[in-house]
N, C-alpha and C. Protein backbone atom coordinates (compact mmCIF):
# COMPACT_ATOMS: atom_id res chain seq x y z
N MET A 1 -4.10 -14.83 -17.16
CA MET A 1 -3.03 -14.63 -16.20
C MET A 1 -3.54 -14.47 -14.78
N LEU A 2 -4.83 -14.23 -14.62
CA LEU A 2 -5.38 -14.04 -13.28
C LEU A 2 -5.75 -15.38 -12.66
N ASP A 3 -5.91 -15.33 -11.34
CA ASP A 3 -6.35 -16.49 -10.57
C ASP A 3 -5.42 -17.70 -10.72
N ARG A 4 -4.13 -17.42 -10.58
CA ARG A 4 -3.14 -18.50 -10.67
C ARG A 4 -2.44 -18.67 -9.33
N PHE A 5 -3.26 -18.70 -8.28
CA PHE A 5 -2.74 -18.79 -6.92
C PHE A 5 -1.93 -20.06 -6.70
N LYS A 6 -2.41 -21.18 -7.20
CA LYS A 6 -1.71 -22.45 -6.99
C LYS A 6 -0.30 -22.40 -7.57
N GLU A 7 -0.17 -21.84 -8.77
CA GLU A 7 1.15 -21.73 -9.39
C GLU A 7 2.06 -20.81 -8.58
N ALA A 8 1.50 -19.70 -8.14
CA ALA A 8 2.29 -18.75 -7.34
C ALA A 8 2.73 -19.39 -6.03
N GLU A 9 1.80 -20.08 -5.37
CA GLU A 9 2.15 -20.75 -4.11
C GLU A 9 3.22 -21.81 -4.33
N SER A 10 3.12 -22.54 -5.42
CA SER A 10 4.12 -23.55 -5.75
C SER A 10 5.50 -22.92 -5.95
N THR A 11 5.53 -21.79 -6.62
CA THR A 11 6.79 -21.09 -6.86
C THR A 11 7.40 -20.61 -5.55
N ILE A 12 6.57 -20.07 -4.66
CA ILE A 12 7.05 -19.61 -3.36
C ILE A 12 7.56 -20.80 -2.55
N ASP A 13 6.81 -21.91 -2.55
CA ASP A 13 7.25 -23.11 -1.83
C ASP A 13 8.59 -23.61 -2.37
N HIS A 14 8.75 -23.58 -3.68
CA HIS A 14 9.99 -24.01 -4.33
C HIS A 14 11.16 -23.13 -3.84
N ALA A 15 10.93 -21.83 -3.78
CA ALA A 15 11.97 -20.91 -3.32
C ALA A 15 12.32 -21.18 -1.86
N PHE A 16 11.32 -21.46 -1.02
CA PHE A 16 11.58 -21.80 0.39
C PHE A 16 12.42 -23.06 0.50
N GLU A 17 12.03 -24.08 -0.21
CA GLU A 17 12.73 -25.37 -0.15
C GLU A 17 14.19 -25.23 -0.55
N ARG A 18 14.45 -24.43 -1.54
CA ARG A 18 15.80 -24.29 -2.05
C ARG A 18 16.55 -23.10 -1.46
N LYS A 19 15.88 -22.42 -0.49
CA LYS A 19 16.47 -21.27 0.18
C LYS A 19 16.91 -20.20 -0.84
N ILE A 20 16.03 -19.96 -1.80
CA ILE A 20 16.28 -18.95 -2.83
C ILE A 20 15.58 -17.68 -2.39
N GLY A 21 16.30 -16.59 -2.35
CA GLY A 21 15.69 -15.31 -2.00
C GLY A 21 15.75 -15.03 -0.52
N GLU A 22 15.34 -13.82 -0.18
CA GLU A 22 15.36 -13.37 1.20
C GLU A 22 14.14 -13.90 1.94
N LEU A 23 14.35 -14.43 3.12
CA LEU A 23 13.28 -15.03 3.91
C LEU A 23 12.13 -14.05 4.12
N GLY A 24 12.44 -12.82 4.49
CA GLY A 24 11.40 -11.83 4.75
C GLY A 24 10.50 -11.59 3.56
N LEU A 25 11.09 -11.49 2.39
CA LEU A 25 10.29 -11.25 1.18
C LEU A 25 9.46 -12.47 0.82
N LEU A 26 10.01 -13.65 1.00
CA LEU A 26 9.25 -14.86 0.73
C LEU A 26 8.06 -15.00 1.68
N LEU A 27 8.30 -14.70 2.95
CA LEU A 27 7.20 -14.74 3.92
C LEU A 27 6.15 -13.68 3.61
N LEU A 28 6.61 -12.51 3.18
CA LEU A 28 5.68 -11.45 2.81
C LEU A 28 4.82 -11.88 1.62
N LEU A 29 5.44 -12.49 0.64
CA LEU A 29 4.69 -13.01 -0.51
C LEU A 29 3.67 -14.05 -0.06
N ARG A 30 4.11 -14.94 0.79
CA ARG A 30 3.22 -15.99 1.29
C ARG A 30 2.05 -15.37 2.07
N TYR A 31 2.35 -14.39 2.90
CA TYR A 31 1.31 -13.72 3.68
C TYR A 31 0.31 -13.03 2.76
N ASN A 32 0.82 -12.29 1.77
CA ASN A 32 -0.06 -11.56 0.86
C ASN A 32 -0.91 -12.51 0.02
N MET A 33 -0.34 -13.63 -0.40
CA MET A 33 -1.13 -14.62 -1.14
C MET A 33 -2.26 -15.15 -0.26
N ALA A 34 -1.94 -15.43 0.99
CA ALA A 34 -2.95 -15.93 1.92
C ALA A 34 -4.02 -14.87 2.17
N ALA A 35 -3.62 -13.61 2.30
CA ALA A 35 -4.58 -12.54 2.53
C ALA A 35 -5.52 -12.39 1.33
N LEU A 36 -4.96 -12.46 0.14
CA LEU A 36 -5.79 -12.34 -1.07
C LEU A 36 -6.79 -13.47 -1.21
N SER A 37 -6.41 -14.65 -0.75
CA SER A 37 -7.32 -15.79 -0.85
C SER A 37 -8.15 -15.98 0.41
N GLY A 38 -7.96 -15.11 1.41
CA GLY A 38 -8.74 -15.18 2.64
C GLY A 38 -8.37 -16.34 3.54
N ASN A 39 -7.12 -16.82 3.46
CA ASN A 39 -6.68 -17.96 4.25
C ASN A 39 -6.00 -17.48 5.53
N LYS A 40 -6.80 -17.30 6.58
CA LYS A 40 -6.29 -16.79 7.86
C LYS A 40 -5.24 -17.70 8.47
N ASN A 41 -5.40 -19.00 8.34
CA ASN A 41 -4.41 -19.93 8.89
C ASN A 41 -3.04 -19.73 8.26
N GLN A 42 -3.00 -19.57 6.95
CA GLN A 42 -1.72 -19.36 6.27
C GLN A 42 -1.14 -17.98 6.61
N MET A 43 -2.00 -16.99 6.78
CA MET A 43 -1.54 -15.67 7.21
C MET A 43 -0.86 -15.77 8.57
N ASP A 44 -1.52 -16.45 9.50
CA ASP A 44 -0.97 -16.62 10.84
C ASP A 44 0.33 -17.42 10.80
N ARG A 45 0.39 -18.42 9.94
CA ARG A 45 1.59 -19.26 9.83
C ARG A 45 2.78 -18.43 9.33
N ALA A 46 2.55 -17.62 8.31
CA ALA A 46 3.63 -16.78 7.77
C ALA A 46 4.10 -15.79 8.84
N ALA A 47 3.16 -15.19 9.55
CA ALA A 47 3.52 -14.24 10.61
C ALA A 47 4.32 -14.94 11.71
N ALA A 48 3.93 -16.15 12.07
CA ALA A 48 4.65 -16.90 13.11
C ALA A 48 6.07 -17.23 12.66
N LEU A 49 6.23 -17.60 11.38
CA LEU A 49 7.56 -17.91 10.86
C LEU A 49 8.47 -16.68 10.85
N ALA A 50 7.87 -15.49 10.75
CA ALA A 50 8.65 -14.26 10.69
C ALA A 50 9.15 -13.81 12.06
N LYS A 51 8.49 -14.28 13.13
CA LYS A 51 8.86 -13.85 14.48
C LYS A 51 10.34 -14.11 14.75
N GLY A 52 11.01 -13.06 15.21
CA GLY A 52 12.41 -13.18 15.57
C GLY A 52 13.38 -13.09 14.41
N ASN A 53 12.88 -12.98 13.18
CA ASN A 53 13.76 -12.87 12.02
C ASN A 53 13.93 -11.40 11.64
N LEU A 54 15.18 -10.96 11.64
CA LEU A 54 15.45 -9.57 11.30
C LEU A 54 14.85 -9.23 9.94
N GLY A 55 14.20 -8.10 9.87
CA GLY A 55 13.61 -7.66 8.62
C GLY A 55 12.26 -8.28 8.36
N ALA A 56 12.17 -9.57 8.52
CA ALA A 56 10.93 -10.27 8.21
C ALA A 56 9.81 -9.88 9.16
N GLU A 57 10.11 -9.78 10.43
CA GLU A 57 9.05 -9.56 11.42
C GLU A 57 8.37 -8.22 11.21
N HIS A 58 9.14 -7.15 10.98
CA HIS A 58 8.47 -5.86 10.80
C HIS A 58 7.71 -5.80 9.48
N MET A 59 8.20 -6.47 8.43
CA MET A 59 7.46 -6.49 7.17
C MET A 59 6.12 -7.19 7.32
N LEU A 60 6.12 -8.31 8.04
CA LEU A 60 4.88 -9.05 8.24
C LEU A 60 3.94 -8.31 9.18
N ALA A 61 4.47 -7.63 10.17
CA ALA A 61 3.61 -6.84 11.06
C ALA A 61 2.94 -5.71 10.28
N HIS A 62 3.67 -5.11 9.36
CA HIS A 62 3.08 -4.06 8.51
C HIS A 62 2.01 -4.64 7.58
N ALA A 63 2.31 -5.77 6.96
CA ALA A 63 1.33 -6.42 6.08
C ALA A 63 0.07 -6.78 6.87
N GLU A 64 0.26 -7.24 8.09
CA GLU A 64 -0.88 -7.57 8.95
C GLU A 64 -1.70 -6.31 9.24
N ALA A 65 -1.02 -5.20 9.52
CA ALA A 65 -1.72 -3.95 9.80
C ALA A 65 -2.57 -3.53 8.60
N LEU A 66 -2.01 -3.65 7.40
CA LEU A 66 -2.77 -3.30 6.20
C LEU A 66 -3.96 -4.22 6.02
N ALA A 67 -3.76 -5.51 6.25
CA ALA A 67 -4.85 -6.47 6.10
C ALA A 67 -5.95 -6.21 7.12
N LEU A 68 -5.60 -5.79 8.31
CA LEU A 68 -6.59 -5.49 9.34
C LEU A 68 -7.31 -4.17 9.07
N ALA A 69 -6.59 -3.20 8.54
CA ALA A 69 -7.19 -1.88 8.27
C ALA A 69 -8.21 -1.96 7.14
N ARG A 70 -7.95 -2.79 6.16
CA ARG A 70 -8.82 -2.87 4.98
C ARG A 70 -10.29 -3.11 5.35
N PRO A 71 -10.61 -4.09 6.21
CA PRO A 71 -12.03 -4.28 6.58
C PRO A 71 -12.48 -3.41 7.76
N GLY A 72 -11.60 -2.50 8.22
CA GLY A 72 -12.00 -1.58 9.27
C GLY A 72 -11.65 -1.98 10.69
N HIS A 73 -10.79 -2.96 10.87
CA HIS A 73 -10.36 -3.38 12.21
C HIS A 73 -9.20 -2.47 12.65
N LEU A 74 -9.53 -1.20 12.87
CA LEU A 74 -8.49 -0.18 13.05
C LEU A 74 -7.71 -0.29 14.35
N GLU A 75 -8.34 -0.67 15.44
CA GLU A 75 -7.59 -0.80 16.70
C GLU A 75 -6.51 -1.87 16.56
N ALA A 76 -6.88 -3.01 16.03
CA ALA A 76 -5.90 -4.09 15.83
C ALA A 76 -4.85 -3.66 14.81
N ALA A 77 -5.28 -2.96 13.78
CA ALA A 77 -4.33 -2.48 12.76
C ALA A 77 -3.33 -1.51 13.37
N ARG A 78 -3.80 -0.65 14.25
CA ARG A 78 -2.90 0.31 14.90
C ARG A 78 -1.85 -0.43 15.76
N ARG A 79 -2.30 -1.44 16.48
CA ARG A 79 -1.34 -2.20 17.31
C ARG A 79 -0.28 -2.86 16.45
N SER A 80 -0.70 -3.46 15.35
CA SER A 80 0.25 -4.13 14.46
C SER A 80 1.16 -3.11 13.80
N SER A 81 0.61 -1.96 13.44
CA SER A 81 1.41 -0.90 12.83
C SER A 81 2.46 -0.38 13.82
N ASP A 82 2.04 -0.16 15.07
CA ASP A 82 2.99 0.29 16.10
C ASP A 82 4.13 -0.71 16.24
N ARG A 83 3.78 -2.00 16.23
CA ARG A 83 4.81 -3.04 16.35
C ARG A 83 5.76 -3.01 15.16
N ALA A 84 5.21 -2.84 13.95
CA ALA A 84 6.04 -2.79 12.75
C ALA A 84 7.01 -1.62 12.82
N VAL A 85 6.52 -0.46 13.21
CA VAL A 85 7.37 0.73 13.32
C VAL A 85 8.45 0.51 14.36
N GLU A 86 8.06 0.00 15.53
CA GLU A 86 9.02 -0.23 16.61
C GLU A 86 10.12 -1.21 16.19
N LEU A 87 9.73 -2.30 15.55
CA LEU A 87 10.72 -3.30 15.11
C LEU A 87 11.65 -2.73 14.04
N ALA A 88 11.09 -1.97 13.11
CA ALA A 88 11.92 -1.37 12.06
C ALA A 88 12.93 -0.40 12.68
N LEU A 89 12.48 0.40 13.64
CA LEU A 89 13.39 1.35 14.29
C LEU A 89 14.48 0.62 15.08
N GLN A 90 14.12 -0.48 15.73
CA GLN A 90 15.11 -1.27 16.47
C GLN A 90 16.21 -1.79 15.54
N GLU A 91 15.85 -2.01 14.28
CA GLU A 91 16.83 -2.49 13.30
C GLU A 91 17.53 -1.35 12.57
N GLY A 92 17.22 -0.10 12.97
CA GLY A 92 17.85 1.04 12.32
C GLY A 92 17.25 1.38 10.97
N GLU A 93 16.07 0.85 10.69
CA GLU A 93 15.39 1.06 9.41
C GLU A 93 14.44 2.26 9.52
N ARG A 94 15.02 3.45 9.62
CA ARG A 94 14.20 4.65 9.83
C ARG A 94 13.29 4.95 8.65
N GLU A 95 13.81 4.79 7.43
CA GLU A 95 13.00 5.07 6.25
C GLU A 95 11.83 4.09 6.14
N THR A 96 12.10 2.84 6.47
CA THR A 96 11.04 1.83 6.45
C THR A 96 9.98 2.17 7.48
N ALA A 97 10.40 2.54 8.68
CA ALA A 97 9.46 2.94 9.72
C ALA A 97 8.62 4.13 9.27
N ALA A 98 9.25 5.08 8.59
CA ALA A 98 8.53 6.25 8.09
C ALA A 98 7.48 5.84 7.05
N SER A 99 7.82 4.87 6.21
CA SER A 99 6.84 4.43 5.20
C SER A 99 5.67 3.72 5.87
N TYR A 100 5.93 3.00 6.96
CA TYR A 100 4.85 2.35 7.70
C TYR A 100 3.93 3.41 8.32
N ARG A 101 4.54 4.47 8.86
CA ARG A 101 3.74 5.55 9.44
C ARG A 101 2.90 6.25 8.36
N ALA A 102 3.49 6.43 7.20
CA ALA A 102 2.76 7.07 6.10
C ALA A 102 1.56 6.22 5.68
N ALA A 103 1.76 4.91 5.59
CA ALA A 103 0.65 4.02 5.22
C ALA A 103 -0.46 4.13 6.26
N ARG A 104 -0.08 4.18 7.52
CA ARG A 104 -1.09 4.31 8.58
C ARG A 104 -1.85 5.62 8.45
N ALA A 105 -1.14 6.70 8.15
CA ALA A 105 -1.80 8.00 7.98
C ALA A 105 -2.82 7.95 6.86
N VAL A 106 -2.49 7.22 5.79
CA VAL A 106 -3.42 7.09 4.67
C VAL A 106 -4.68 6.36 5.10
N TRP A 107 -4.54 5.19 5.76
CA TRP A 107 -5.75 4.46 6.12
C TRP A 107 -6.56 5.20 7.18
N GLU A 108 -5.89 5.94 8.05
CA GLU A 108 -6.63 6.74 9.02
C GLU A 108 -7.42 7.83 8.31
N ALA A 109 -6.81 8.48 7.33
CA ALA A 109 -7.50 9.53 6.58
C ALA A 109 -8.67 8.97 5.80
N ILE A 110 -8.47 7.83 5.16
CA ILE A 110 -9.56 7.20 4.41
C ILE A 110 -10.72 6.84 5.34
N SER A 111 -10.39 6.49 6.57
CA SER A 111 -11.41 6.12 7.56
C SER A 111 -12.04 7.33 8.24
N GLY A 112 -11.55 8.52 7.88
CA GLY A 112 -12.10 9.75 8.46
C GLY A 112 -11.50 10.13 9.80
N ASN A 113 -10.35 9.55 10.12
CA ASN A 113 -9.68 9.85 11.38
C ASN A 113 -8.48 10.75 11.15
N ASP A 114 -8.09 11.48 12.19
CA ASP A 114 -6.86 12.27 12.13
C ASP A 114 -5.70 11.30 12.24
N ALA A 115 -4.67 11.54 11.45
CA ALA A 115 -3.49 10.67 11.48
C ALA A 115 -2.66 11.00 12.62
């Protein structure tokens, strides 16, 4: 069951083509698949497609923050996290913004920084 990226990508592409599912979640899936396979171009493409889309943009900004924090690119991760929180708050998604802040506190703690 592991290492079935091509099948997963095909399923996501199929959903995009047929407009099945929420755009933000599909873009998030696409972004995460690209991050797992180390495909920076596809990550950037998914993030670009999310720009200006309600819900999608803050989810992708948060995913980007997590992807940046993992290898220790904390300054860039903080900028992306701030953007995710700001966008979520602009949409009235206070709980979502709080979860983004909590995730940031975790990676800061793991990195030995004060949250």
